[in-house]
Amino acid sequence: MARESSKPLDAGDKFPGIEFDTVEGSRLVLPDHLKNKWGVFFIYRGSW
């Protein structure tokens, strides 16, 4: 899903909706998966 604007998120901004497959093969939907929880969102694109 492409972001509507190219500006970074500011404190208090709503996290944009993102869906992706995990390495275990399940589907993860953010921010729904973290609803009422704290979490860290980390993307590792590889070293190539």
N, C-alpha and C. Protein backbone atom coordinates (compact mmCIF):
# COMPACT_ATOMS: atom_id res chain seq x y z
N MET A 1 0.85 -1.18 0.00
CA MET A 1 0.00 0.00 0.00
C MET A 1 0.89 1.24 0.00
N ALA A 2 0.69 2.12 -0.90
CA ALA A 2 1.48 3.34 -0.98
C ALA A 2 0.94 4.39 -0.01
N ARG A 3 1.83 5.14 0.57
CA ARG A 3 1.42 6.23 1.46
C ARG A 3 0.89 7.38 0.62
N GLU A 4 -0.06 8.10 1.20
CA GLU A 4 -0.66 9.21 0.47
C GLU A 4 0.27 10.41 0.40
N SER A 5 1.17 10.54 1.37
CA SER A 5 2.12 11.65 1.32
C SER A 5 3.51 11.11 1.60
N SER A 6 4.51 11.89 1.29
CA SER A 6 5.88 11.42 1.48
C SER A 6 6.51 11.96 2.76
N LYS A 7 5.74 12.69 3.58
CA LYS A 7 6.32 13.22 4.81
C LYS A 7 6.37 12.14 5.88
N PRO A 8 7.39 12.16 6.73
CA PRO A 8 7.49 11.17 7.81
C PRO A 8 6.34 11.33 8.80
N LEU A 9 6.09 10.25 9.54
CA LEU A 9 5.08 10.33 10.59
C LEU A 9 5.58 11.18 11.74
N ASP A 10 4.70 11.98 12.31
CA ASP A 10 5.01 12.77 13.49
C ASP A 10 4.41 12.09 14.71
N ALA A 11 4.89 12.43 15.89
CA ALA A 11 4.33 11.89 17.13
C ALA A 11 2.83 12.14 17.15
N GLY A 12 2.06 11.10 17.42
CA GLY A 12 0.61 11.22 17.46
C GLY A 12 -0.09 10.94 16.15
N ASP A 13 0.66 10.84 15.03
CA ASP A 13 0.04 10.51 13.75
C ASP A 13 -0.45 9.07 13.76
N LYS A 14 -1.53 8.80 13.04
CA LYS A 14 -2.04 7.44 12.92
C LYS A 14 -1.12 6.64 12.01
N PHE A 15 -0.80 5.42 12.44
CA PHE A 15 0.05 4.54 11.65
C PHE A 15 -0.71 4.11 10.40
N PRO A 16 -0.10 4.17 9.22
CA PRO A 16 -0.81 3.78 8.00
C PRO A 16 -1.06 2.28 7.97
N GLY A 17 -2.14 1.87 7.34
CA GLY A 17 -2.46 0.45 7.24
C GLY A 17 -1.47 -0.28 6.33
N ILE A 18 -0.94 -1.40 6.82
CA ILE A 18 0.02 -2.20 6.06
C ILE A 18 -0.33 -3.66 6.25
N GLU A 19 -0.33 -4.45 5.18
CA GLU A 19 -0.53 -5.89 5.25
C GLU A 19 0.68 -6.57 4.63
N PHE A 20 1.16 -7.63 5.26
CA PHE A 20 2.27 -8.38 4.68
C PHE A 20 2.31 -9.79 5.23
N ASP A 21 3.04 -10.67 4.55
CA ASP A 21 3.21 -12.05 4.98
C ASP A 21 4.42 -12.14 5.90
N THR A 22 4.28 -12.92 6.97
CA THR A 22 5.40 -13.11 7.90
C THR A 22 6.27 -14.26 7.40
N VAL A 23 7.45 -14.42 7.99
CA VAL A 23 8.34 -15.52 7.60
C VAL A 23 7.73 -16.87 7.94
N GLU A 24 6.77 -16.91 8.89
CA GLU A 24 6.10 -18.15 9.25
C GLU A 24 4.97 -18.50 8.28
N GLY A 25 4.63 -17.57 7.36
CA GLY A 25 3.60 -17.81 6.37
C GLY A 25 2.22 -17.28 6.72
N SER A 26 2.08 -16.61 7.86
CA SER A 26 0.78 -16.03 8.21
C SER A 26 0.69 -14.60 7.67
N ARG A 27 -0.49 -14.04 7.73
CA ARG A 27 -0.74 -12.68 7.25
C ARG A 27 -0.82 -11.75 8.46
N LEU A 28 -0.13 -10.63 8.41
CA LEU A 28 -0.11 -9.66 9.50
C LEU A 28 -0.65 -8.34 8.99
N VAL A 29 -1.57 -7.75 9.74
CA VAL A 29 -2.19 -6.48 9.37
C VAL A 29 -1.88 -5.47 10.46
N LEU A 30 -1.17 -4.42 10.09
CA LEU A 30 -0.86 -3.35 11.04
C LEU A 30 -1.68 -2.12 10.67
N PRO A 31 -2.16 -1.36 11.58
CA PRO A 31 -1.93 -1.41 13.02
C PRO A 31 -2.90 -2.30 13.77
N ASP A 32 -3.82 -3.00 13.08
CA ASP A 32 -4.82 -3.83 13.77
C ASP A 32 -4.19 -4.85 14.72
N HIS A 33 -3.09 -5.46 14.31
CA HIS A 33 -2.44 -6.49 15.13
C HIS A 33 -1.94 -5.93 16.46
N LEU A 34 -1.61 -4.66 16.50
CA LEU A 34 -1.07 -4.05 17.72
C LEU A 34 -2.11 -3.26 18.50
N LYS A 35 -3.38 -3.43 18.18
CA LYS A 35 -4.43 -2.66 18.84
C LYS A 35 -4.37 -2.86 20.36
N ASN A 36 -4.32 -1.74 21.07
CA ASN A 36 -4.24 -1.70 22.54
C ASN A 36 -2.97 -2.33 23.09
N LYS A 37 -1.91 -2.39 22.29
CA LYS A 37 -0.62 -2.93 22.73
C LYS A 37 0.49 -2.00 22.26
N TRP A 38 1.63 -2.12 22.87
CA TRP A 38 2.84 -1.44 22.40
C TRP A 38 3.59 -2.41 21.52
N GLY A 39 4.33 -1.90 20.56
CA GLY A 39 5.09 -2.78 19.69
C GLY A 39 6.17 -2.02 18.94
N VAL A 40 7.03 -2.78 18.30
CA VAL A 40 8.10 -2.22 17.48
C VAL A 40 7.90 -2.76 16.07
N PHE A 41 7.93 -1.88 15.10
CA PHE A 41 7.79 -2.26 13.70
C PHE A 41 9.17 -2.15 13.07
N PHE A 42 9.70 -3.26 12.58
CA PHE A 42 11.06 -3.33 12.05
C PHE A 42 11.02 -4.01 10.69
N ILE A 43 11.64 -3.37 9.71
CA ILE A 43 11.75 -3.96 8.38
C ILE A 43 13.23 -4.15 8.07
N TYR A 44 13.62 -5.37 7.77
CA TYR A 44 14.98 -5.67 7.36
C TYR A 44 14.95 -6.01 5.87
N ARG A 45 15.58 -5.16 5.07
CA ARG A 45 15.54 -5.34 3.62
C ARG A 45 16.69 -6.20 3.10
N GLY A 46 17.56 -6.64 3.95
CA GLY A 46 18.68 -7.47 3.53
C GLY A 46 19.95 -6.64 3.35
N SER A 47 21.05 -7.32 3.22
CA SER A 47 22.34 -6.64 3.12
C SER A 47 22.83 -6.52 1.67
N TRP A 48 22.02 -6.97 0.75
CA TRP A 48 22.46 -6.91 -0.65
C TRP A 48 22.22 -5.54 -1.16
